[in-house]
Amino acid sequence: MKKLISVVVPCYNGEQYIEKCLENLLSQSCKSLEIIVIDDGSKDNSAAIARRFPVKLISQENRGLSAARNAGMDCATGDYIHFFDVDDRINNTFFENLLAAIVQTDADIACSGMINEPAPRKNRIYNKTELLTDITAKLEKTNVGRWGYVWRYLFKLDFLKKHALRFEQGRFIEDLPFTLPAVFFAEKLVLVPGAVYFYRLQQNSIMTNNNFAHRRKRFRDWQHIKKFRKEFANKHNFRIPGVPTVGFKALIVKYFG
């Protein structure tokens, strides 16, 4: 039986991106995709454009990115799930390569490479398939403690449900409190060559909006993330590589990490 991947695409006022996004997904070499578009209260033509494509469209009142991702998780019927941002893109064999690796190794998570267009120093490409089971190796090879991006990962849906992993609502920075526990709890995680996610940082996005209230909330949410990260690592007795907590090194990571 073919394994199905549910691809959750939250969309809020994304009419300039949604068409190319869905074309990118539908041109994938892997055709076992359930594409779920969560229209998060858009006031533009996002939903109307999405209806032109063979996707599952769910409309809800605007509740934010985390709520949209959780809604997608709740209605997903696939064996695996991926969270895709509407303004990004992937190479055409992205899901084919992730699916082959996760099925072959029976891993809980498959991790792709990434091209981080606004921050090239964070680019990461894997040249060979590598199965990881040790927590230190998983943290070092993914760098999840510093780069929490959820779109790097393909998850077993049952694995997420088993550990009751959900996105925390009401936060601007929501990935890391989801991905760090997921990587920690995964009995097996596989790194996958030939699967590359291209991350773009658009103007007026959550991370670029310079409105004072927005910047203040973003700062508070970052403080919340750092507290969560520290407490989770302490609770489970591990150290996050590259995340010093005091002194000059901490300042270096803060401003250049």
C-alpha atoms as a PDB file:
ATOM      1  CA  MET A   1       0.000   0.000   0.000  1.00  0.00           C
ATOM      2  CA  LYS A   2       1.280   3.457  -0.897  1.00  0.00           C
ATOM      3  CA  LYS A   3       2.172   5.688   2.003  1.00  0.00           C
ATOM      4  CA  LEU A   4       0.342   9.023   2.057  1.00  0.00           C
ATOM      5  CA  ILE A   5       1.883  12.340   3.047  1.00  0.00           C
ATOM      6  CA  SER A   6      -0.371  15.093   4.359  1.00  0.00           C
ATOM      7  CA  VAL A   7       1.072  18.508   3.466  1.00  0.00           C
ATOM      8  CA  VAL A   8      -0.360  21.297   5.623  1.00  0.00           C
ATOM      9  CA  VAL A   9      -0.210  24.776   4.047  1.00  0.00           C
ATOM     10  CA  PRO A  10      -1.400  27.614   6.308  1.00  0.00           C
ATOM     11  CA  CYS A  11      -2.388  30.671   4.312  1.00  0.00           C
ATOM     12  CA  TYR A  12      -3.264  34.172   5.493  1.00  0.00           C
ATOM     13  CA  ASN A  13      -3.645  36.794   2.742  1.00  0.00           C
ATOM     14  CA  GLY A  14      -1.298  34.798   0.542  1.00  0.00           C
ATOM     15  CA  GLU A  15      -2.872  35.407  -2.847  1.00  0.00           C
ATOM     16  CA  GLN A  16       0.468  36.415  -4.369  1.00  0.00           C
ATOM     17  CA  TYR A  17       2.048  33.097  -3.329  1.00  0.00           C
ATOM     18  CA  ILE A  18      -0.637  30.403  -3.171  1.00  0.00           C
ATOM     19  CA  GLU A  19      -0.808  29.590  -6.888  1.00  0.00           C
ATOM     20  CA  LYS A  20       2.937  29.004  -7.283  1.00  0.00           C
ATOM     21  CA  CYS A  21       2.984  27.143  -3.976  1.00  0.00           C
ATOM     22  CA  LEU A  22       0.328  24.652  -5.080  1.00  0.00           C
ATOM     23  CA  GLU A  23       1.893  24.282  -8.520  1.00  0.00           C
ATOM     24  CA  ASN A  24       5.180  23.438  -6.778  1.00  0.00           C
ATOM     25  CA  LEU A  25       3.472  20.781  -4.648  1.00  0.00           C
ATOM     26  CA  LEU A  26       1.462  19.281  -7.495  1.00  0.00           C
ATOM     27  CA  SER A  27       4.570  19.021  -9.692  1.00  0.00           C
ATOM     28  CA  GLN A  28       6.304  16.816  -7.131  1.00  0.00           C
ATOM     29  CA  SER A  29       7.584  13.454  -8.376  1.00  0.00           C
ATOM     30  CA  CYS A  30       5.794  11.924  -5.370  1.00  0.00           C
ATOM     31  CA  LYS A  31       2.067  11.875  -6.115  1.00  0.00           C
ATOM     32  CA  SER A  32       0.928  10.369  -2.792  1.00  0.00           C
ATOM     33  CA  LEU A  33       0.159  13.777  -1.327  1.00  0.00           C
ATOM     34  CA  GLU A  34      -2.861  15.038   0.551  1.00  0.00           C
ATOM     35  CA  ILE A  35      -2.529  18.815   0.249  1.00  0.00           C
ATOM     36  CA  ILE A  36      -4.414  20.647   2.997  1.00  0.00           C
ATOM     37  CA  VAL A  37      -4.723  24.424   2.670  1.00  0.00           C
ATOM     38  CA  ILE A  38      -5.798  26.140   5.882  1.00  0.00           C
ATOM     39  CA  ASP A  39      -7.253  29.529   4.962  1.00  0.00           C
ATOM     40  CA  ASP A  40      -6.705  31.400   8.226  1.00  0.00           C
ATOM     41  CA  GLY A  41      -9.290  34.138   7.786  1.00  0.00           C
ATOM     42  CA  SER A  42      -7.770  35.647   4.639  1.00  0.00           C
ATOM     43  CA  LYS A  43      -9.338  38.863   3.393  1.00  0.00           C
ATOM     44  CA  ASP A  44      -7.957  38.507  -0.133  1.00  0.00           C
ATOM     45  CA  ASN A  45      -8.475  35.922  -2.905  1.00  0.00           C
ATOM     46  CA  SER A  46      -6.353  33.161  -1.356  1.00  0.00           C
ATOM     47  CA  ALA A  47      -9.270  30.760  -0.857  1.00  0.00           C
ATOM     48  CA  ALA A  48     -10.694  31.382  -4.334  1.00  0.00           C
ATOM     49  CA  ILE A  49      -7.322  30.613  -5.914  1.00  0.00           C
ATOM     50  CA  ALA A  50      -6.876  27.464  -3.805  1.00  0.00           C
ATOM     51  CA  ARG A  51     -10.289  26.176  -4.936  1.00  0.00           C
ATOM     52  CA  ARG A  52      -8.956  25.919  -8.491  1.00  0.00           C
ATOM     53  CA  PHE A  53      -6.606  23.144  -7.393  1.00  0.00           C
ATOM     54  CA  PRO A  54      -7.219  19.541  -6.256  1.00  0.00           C
ATOM     55  CA  VAL A  55      -6.599  20.260  -2.583  1.00  0.00           C
ATOM     56  CA  LYS A  56      -8.511  20.018   0.683  1.00  0.00           C
ATOM     57  CA  LEU A  57      -9.438  23.590   1.658  1.00  0.00           C
ATOM     58  CA  ILE A  58     -10.376  24.412   5.237  1.00  0.00           C
ATOM     59  CA  SER A  59     -11.437  27.944   6.153  1.00  0.00           C
ATOM     60  CA  GLN A  60     -11.370  29.281   9.688  1.00  0.00           C
ATOM     61  CA  GLU A  61     -11.396  32.613  11.473  1.00  0.00           C
ATOM     62  CA  ASN A  62      -7.984  34.217  11.760  1.00  0.00           C
ATOM     63  CA  ARG A  63      -6.284  32.511  14.710  1.00  0.00           C
ATOM     64  CA  GLY A  64      -2.646  32.549  13.627  1.00  0.00           C
ATOM     65  CA  LEU A  65      -0.071  30.202  12.164  1.00  0.00           C
ATOM     66  CA  SER A  66       0.023  27.755  15.082  1.00  0.00           C
ATOM     67  CA  ALA A  67      -3.750  27.317  15.127  1.00  0.00           C
ATOM     68  CA  ALA A  68      -3.733  26.760  11.358  1.00  0.00           C
ATOM     69  CA  ARG A  69      -1.050  24.089  11.637  1.00  0.00           C
ATOM     70  CA  ASN A  70      -2.909  22.380  14.473  1.00  0.00           C
ATOM     71  CA  ALA A  71      -6.108  22.420  12.410  1.00  0.00           C
ATOM     72  CA  GLY A  72      -4.223  20.791   9.546  1.00  0.00           C
ATOM     73  CA  MET A  73      -2.889  18.125  11.883  1.00  0.00           C
ATOM     74  CA  ASP A  74      -6.392  17.401  13.149  1.00  0.00           C
ATOM     75  CA  CYS A  75      -7.808  16.698   9.699  1.00  0.00           C
ATOM     76  CA  ALA A  76      -4.752  14.979   8.177  1.00  0.00           C
ATOM     77  CA  THR A  77      -5.298  11.381   7.080  1.00  0.00           C
ATOM     78  CA  GLY A  78      -1.769  10.595   5.897  1.00  0.00           C
ATOM     79  CA  ASP A  79       0.811   8.259   7.382  1.00  0.00           C
ATOM     80  CA  TYR A  80       3.221  11.197   7.456  1.00  0.00           C
ATOM     81  CA  ILE A  81       2.818  14.956   7.747  1.00  0.00           C
ATOM     82  CA  HIS A  82       4.757  17.988   6.572  1.00  0.00           C
ATOM     83  CA  PHE A  83       4.197  21.665   7.379  1.00  0.00           C
ATOM     84  CA  PHE A  84       4.806  23.891   4.355  1.00  0.00           C
ATOM     85  CA  ASP A  85       4.923  27.701   4.312  1.00  0.00           C
ATOM     86  CA  VAL A  86       2.969  29.224   1.449  1.00  0.00           C
ATOM     87  CA  ASP A  87       5.756  31.573   0.288  1.00  0.00           C
ATOM     88  CA  ASP A  88       8.543  28.953   0.170  1.00  0.00           C
ATOM     89  CA  ARG A  89       9.445  26.243  -2.332  1.00  0.00           C
ATOM     90  CA  ILE A  90      11.022  22.782  -2.565  1.00  0.00           C
ATOM     91  CA  ASN A  91      12.918  20.791  -5.174  1.00  0.00           C
ATOM     92  CA  ASN A  92      10.817  18.406  -7.266  1.00  0.00           C
ATOM     93  CA  THR A  93      12.035  15.204  -5.573  1.00  0.00           C
ATOM     94  CA  PHE A  94      11.637  16.584  -2.044  1.00  0.00           C
ATOM     95  CA  PHE A  95       8.840  14.293  -0.897  1.00  0.00           C
ATOM     96  CA  GLU A  96       9.972  11.300  -2.955  1.00  0.00           C
ATOM     97  CA  ASN A  97      13.356  11.289  -1.225  1.00  0.00           C
ATOM     98  CA  LEU A  98      12.008  11.994   2.258  1.00  0.00           C
ATOM     99  CA  LEU A  99       9.374   9.273   1.945  1.00  0.00           C
ATOM    100  CA  ALA A 100      11.820   6.672   0.643  1.00  0.00           C
ATOM    101  CA  ALA A 101      14.236   7.321   3.510  1.00  0.00           C
ATOM    102  CA  ILE A 102      11.657   7.371   6.303  1.00  0.00           C
ATOM    103  CA  VAL A 103       9.974   4.185   5.081  1.00  0.00           C
ATOM    104  CA  GLN A 104      13.243   2.316   4.516  1.00  0.00           C
ATOM    105  CA  THR A 105      14.608   3.172   7.965  1.00  0.00           C
ATOM    106  CA  ASP A 106      11.258   3.163   9.823  1.00  0.00           C
ATOM    107  CA  ALA A 107      12.293   6.471  11.371  1.00  0.00           C
ATOM    108  CA  ASP A 108       9.942   8.766  13.261  1.00  0.00           C
ATOM    109  CA  ILE A 109      11.312  11.836  11.472  1.00  0.00           C
ATOM    110  CA  ALA A 110      13.097  12.532   8.194  1.00  0.00           C
ATOM    111  CA  CYS A 111      15.126  15.754   7.950  1.00  0.00           C
ATOM    112  CA  SER A 112      15.742  17.617   4.691  1.00  0.00           C
ATOM    113  CA  GLY A 113      18.449  20.038   3.724  1.00  0.00           C
ATOM    114  CA  MET A 114      17.670  23.730   3.495  1.00  0.00           C
ATOM    115  CA  ILE A 115      18.697  26.824   1.617  1.00  0.00           C
ATOM    116  CA  ASN A 116      18.044  29.766   3.905  1.00  0.00           C
ATOM    117  CA  GLU A 117      17.903  32.625   1.421  1.00  0.00           C
ATOM    118  CA  PRO A 118      17.912  35.512   3.963  1.00  0.00           C
ATOM    119  CA  ALA A 119      20.668  33.876   6.069  1.00  0.00           C
ATOM    120  CA  PRO A 120      22.963  31.743   3.859  1.00  0.00           C
ATOM    121  CA  ARG A 121      25.185  30.899   6.854  1.00  0.00           C
ATOM    122  CA  LYS A 122      22.336  28.622   7.961  1.00  0.00           C
ATOM    123  CA  ASN A 123      22.306  26.638   4.709  1.00  0.00           C
ATOM    124  CA  ARG A 124      22.574  22.911   5.300  1.00  0.00           C
ATOM    125  CA  ILE A 125      22.728  20.167   2.663  1.00  0.00           C
ATOM    126  CA  TYR A 126      23.103  16.480   3.477  1.00  0.00           C
ATOM    127  CA  ASN A 127      25.294  14.453   1.115  1.00  0.00           C
ATOM    128  CA  LYS A 128      24.406  11.003   2.405  1.00  0.00           C
ATOM    129  CA  THR A 129      21.571   9.210   4.139  1.00  0.00           C
ATOM    130  CA  GLU A 130      22.363   8.936   7.825  1.00  0.00           C
ATOM    131  CA  LEU A 131      20.250   7.313  10.541  1.00  0.00           C
ATOM    132  CA  LEU A 132      20.577   8.892  13.983  1.00  0.00           C
ATOM    133  CA  THR A 133      19.457   7.472  17.333  1.00  0.00           C
ATOM    134  CA  ASP A 134      21.720   9.227  19.853  1.00  0.00           C
ATOM    135  CA  ILE A 135      20.353  12.494  21.246  1.00  0.00           C
ATOM    136  CA  THR A 136      23.678  14.341  20.924  1.00  0.00           C
ATOM    137  CA  ALA A 137      24.037  13.280  17.296  1.00  0.00           C
ATOM    138  CA  LYS A 138      20.447  14.296  16.521  1.00  0.00           C
ATOM    139  CA  LEU A 139      20.966  17.730  18.068  1.00  0.00           C
ATOM    140  CA  GLU A 140      24.320  18.313  16.382  1.00  0.00           C
ATOM    141  CA  LYS A 141      23.347  17.106  12.916  1.00  0.00           C
ATOM    142  CA  THR A 142      20.037  19.004  12.776  1.00  0.00           C
ATOM    143  CA  ASN A 143      21.030  22.004  14.930  1.00  0.00           C
ATOM    144  CA  VAL A 144      17.376  22.019  16.016  1.00  0.00           C
ATOM    145  CA  GLY A 145      18.182  23.814  19.271  1.00  0.00           C
ATOM    146  CA  ARG A 146      19.117  26.939  17.313  1.00  0.00           C
ATOM    147  CA  TRP A 147      17.212  26.484  14.059  1.00  0.00           C
ATOM    148  CA  GLY A 148      13.775  25.190  14.957  1.00  0.00           C
ATOM    149  CA  TYR A 149      12.250  25.433  11.469  1.00  0.00           C
ATOM    150  CA  VAL A 150       9.481  22.824  11.330  1.00  0.00           C
ATOM    151  CA  TRP A 151       9.398  22.685   7.517  1.00  0.00           C
ATOM    152  CA  ARG A 152      12.736  20.822   7.487  1.00  0.00           C
ATOM    153  CA  TYR A 153      11.019  17.694   8.792  1.00  0.00           C
ATOM    154  CA  LEU A 154       8.667  14.968   7.639  1.00  0.00           C
ATOM    155  CA  PHE A 155       7.000  13.381  10.677  1.00  0.00           C
ATOM    156  CA  LYS A 156       5.156  10.143  11.291  1.00  0.00           C
ATOM    157  CA  LEU A 157       1.709  11.401  12.178  1.00  0.00           C
ATOM    158  CA  ASP A 158       1.198   8.673  14.795  1.00  0.00           C
ATOM    159  CA  PHE A 159       4.487   9.707  16.420  1.00  0.00           C
ATOM    160  CA  LEU A 160       3.253  13.288  16.864  1.00  0.00           C
ATOM    161  CA  LYS A 161      -0.034  12.040  18.300  1.00  0.00           C
ATOM    162  CA  LYS A 162       1.726   9.621  20.651  1.00  0.00           C
ATOM    163  CA  HIS A 163       3.694  12.467  22.212  1.00  0.00           C
ATOM    164  CA  ALA A 164       0.778  14.936  22.040  1.00  0.00           C
ATOM    165  CA  LEU A 165       2.906  17.457  20.151  1.00  0.00           C
ATOM    166  CA  ARG A 166       1.036  20.623  19.214  1.00  0.00           C
ATOM    167  CA  PHE A 167       1.990  24.151  18.181  1.00  0.00           C
ATOM    168  CA  GLU A 168       1.651  26.716  20.947  1.00  0.00           C
ATOM    169  CA  GLN A 169      -0.933  29.280  19.913  1.00  0.00           C
ATOM    170  CA  GLY A 170      -0.567  33.021  20.300  1.00  0.00           C
ATOM    171  CA  ARG A 171       3.190  33.111  19.639  1.00  0.00           C
ATOM    172  CA  PHE A 172       5.125  34.608  16.744  1.00  0.00           C
ATOM    173  CA  ILE A 173       7.995  32.153  17.210  1.00  0.00           C
ATOM    174  CA  GLU A 174       6.297  28.773  17.389  1.00  0.00           C
ATOM    175  CA  ASP A 175       8.503  26.199  15.657  1.00  0.00           C
ATOM    176  CA  LEU A 176      11.191  25.394  18.223  1.00  0.00           C
ATOM    177  CA  PRO A 177       8.893  24.304  21.109  1.00  0.00           C
ATOM    178  CA  PHE A 178       7.471  21.779  18.628  1.00  0.00           C
ATOM    179  CA  THR A 179      10.595  20.578  16.820  1.00  0.00           C
ATOM    180  CA  LEU A 180      12.997  20.330  19.763  1.00  0.00           C
ATOM    181  CA  PRO A 181      10.801  17.866  21.699  1.00  0.00           C
ATOM    182  CA  ALA A 182      10.038  15.992  18.473  1.00  0.00           C
ATOM    183  CA  VAL A 183      13.731  15.495  17.697  1.00  0.00           C
ATOM    184  CA  PHE A 184      14.404  14.536  21.325  1.00  0.00           C
ATOM    185  CA  PHE A 185      11.587  11.966  21.494  1.00  0.00           C
ATOM    186  CA  ALA A 186      12.295  10.425  18.067  1.00  0.00           C
ATOM    187  CA  GLU A 187      13.795   6.972  18.474  1.00  0.00           C
ATOM    188  CA  LYS A 188      15.172   7.264  14.946  1.00  0.00           C
ATOM    189  CA  LEU A 189      15.764  10.320  12.774  1.00  0.00           C
ATOM    190  CA  VAL A 190      17.088  10.081   9.222  1.00  0.00           C
ATOM    191  CA  LEU A 191      18.995  12.798   7.345  1.00  0.00           C
ATOM    192  CA  VAL A 192      18.058  12.846   3.672  1.00  0.00           C
ATOM    193  CA  PRO A 193      20.116  13.973   0.676  1.00  0.00           C
ATOM    194  CA  GLY A 194      18.306  15.182  -2.432  1.00  0.00           C
ATOM    195  CA  ALA A 195      15.519  16.874  -0.452  1.00  0.00           C
ATOM    196  CA  VAL A 196      15.981  20.646  -0.232  1.00  0.00           C
ATOM    197  CA  TYR A 197      13.656  23.261   1.236  1.00  0.00           C
ATOM    198  CA  PHE A 198      14.122  26.861   0.068  1.00  0.00           C
ATOM    199  CA  TYR A 199      13.200  29.302   2.831  1.00  0.00           C
ATOM    200  CA  ARG A 200      12.319  32.855   1.834  1.00  0.00           C
ATOM    201  CA  LEU A 201      11.761  35.786   4.185  1.00  0.00           C
ATOM    202  CA  GLN A 202       9.146  38.061   2.692  1.00  0.00           C
ATOM    203  CA  GLN A 203       8.544  41.718   3.504  1.00  0.00           C
ATOM    204  CA  ASN A 204       5.874  42.379   6.166  1.00  0.00           C
ATOM    205  CA  SER A 205       6.109  38.820   7.430  1.00  0.00           C
ATOM    206  CA  ILE A 206       6.041  37.860  11.109  1.00  0.00           C
ATOM    207  CA  MET A 207       9.838  38.129  11.248  1.00  0.00           C
ATOM    208  CA  THR A 208      10.228  41.373   9.263  1.00  0.00           C
ATOM    209  CA  ASN A 209       7.333  43.512  10.487  1.00  0.00           C
ATOM    210  CA  ASN A 210       8.924  46.496  12.265  1.00  0.00           C
ATOM    211  CA  ASN A 211       5.798  47.854  13.919  1.00  0.00           C
ATOM    212  CA  PHE A 212       6.750  48.665  17.539  1.00  0.00           C
ATOM    213  CA  ALA A 213       4.071  46.457  19.128  1.00  0.00           C
ATOM    214  CA  HIS A 214       4.991  43.653  16.733  1.00  0.00           C
ATOM    215  CA  ARG A 215       8.696  43.949  17.536  1.00  0.00           C
ATOM    216  CA  ARG A 216       7.980  43.984  21.273  1.00  0.00           C
ATOM    217  CA  LYS A 217       5.865  40.829  21.050  1.00  0.00           C
ATOM    218  CA  ARG A 218       8.502  39.152  18.893  1.00  0.00           C
ATOM    219  CA  PHE A 219      11.133  39.959  21.543  1.00  0.00           C
ATOM    220  CA  ARG A 220       8.936  38.607  24.343  1.00  0.00           C
ATOM    221  CA  ASP A 221       8.237  35.440  22.381  1.00  0.00           C
ATOM    222  CA  TRP A 222      11.979  34.955  21.807  1.00  0.00           C
ATOM    223  CA  GLN A 223      12.545  35.232  25.560  1.00  0.00           C
ATOM    224  CA  HIS A 224       9.799  32.641  26.041  1.00  0.00           C
ATOM    225  CA  ILE A 225      11.530  30.337  23.533  1.00  0.00           C
ATOM    226  CA  LYS A 226      14.872  30.616  25.311  1.00  0.00           C
ATOM    227  CA  LYS A 227      13.238  29.821  28.647  1.00  0.00           C
ATOM    228  CA  PHE A 228      11.425  26.828  27.174  1.00  0.00           C
ATOM    229  CA  ARG A 229      14.604  25.540  25.534  1.00  0.00           C
ATOM    230  CA  LYS A 230      16.595  25.799  28.752  1.00  0.00           C
ATOM    231  CA  GLU A 231      13.909  24.180  30.903  1.00  0.00           C
ATOM    232  CA  PHE A 232      13.301  21.335  28.441  1.00  0.00           C
ATOM    233  CA  ALA A 233      17.019  20.549  28.205  1.00  0.00           C
ATOM    234  CA  ASN A 234      17.396  20.652  31.995  1.00  0.00           C
ATOM    235  CA  LYS A 235      14.347  18.448  32.529  1.00  0.00           C
ATOM    236  CA  HIS A 236      15.674  15.793  30.163  1.00  0.00           C
ATOM    237  CA  ASN A 237      19.315  16.199  31.193  1.00  0.00           C
ATOM    238  CA  PHE A 238      20.962  17.146  27.921  1.00  0.00           C
ATOM    239  CA  ARG A 239      22.921  20.088  26.573  1.00  0.00           C
ATOM    240  CA  ILE A 240      22.042  21.862  23.345  1.00  0.00           C
ATOM    241  CA  PRO A 241      25.134  22.230  21.140  1.00  0.00           C
ATOM    242  CA  GLY A 242      25.998  25.812  20.255  1.00  0.00           C
ATOM    243  CA  VAL A 243      23.740  27.394  22.880  1.00  0.00           C
ATOM    244  CA  PRO A 244      25.913  28.810  25.679  1.00  0.00           C
ATOM    245  CA  THR A 245      23.943  30.381  28.491  1.00  0.00           C
ATOM    246  CA  VAL A 246      26.335  32.931  30.012  1.00  0.00           C
ATOM    247  CA  GLY A 247      29.163  35.244  29.109  1.00  0.00           C
ATOM    248  CA  PHE A 248      30.673  36.431  25.858  1.00  0.00           C
ATOM    249  CA  LYS A 249      29.807  33.281  23.899  1.00  0.00           C
ATOM    250  CA  ALA A 250      26.120  33.827  24.622  1.00  0.00           C
ATOM    251  CA  LEU A 251      26.341  37.302  23.087  1.00  0.00           C
ATOM    252  CA  ILE A 252      28.046  35.907  19.992  1.00  0.00           C
ATOM    253  CA  VAL A 253      25.262  33.361  19.495  1.00  0.00           C
ATOM    254  CA  LYS A 254      22.585  35.980  20.134  1.00  0.00           C
ATOM    255  CA  TYR A 255      23.796  38.385  17.493  1.00  0.00           C
ATOM    256  CA  PHE A 256      25.526  36.130  14.970  1.00  0.00           C
ATOM    257  CA  GLY A 257      24.077  32.623  15.538  1.00  0.00           C
END
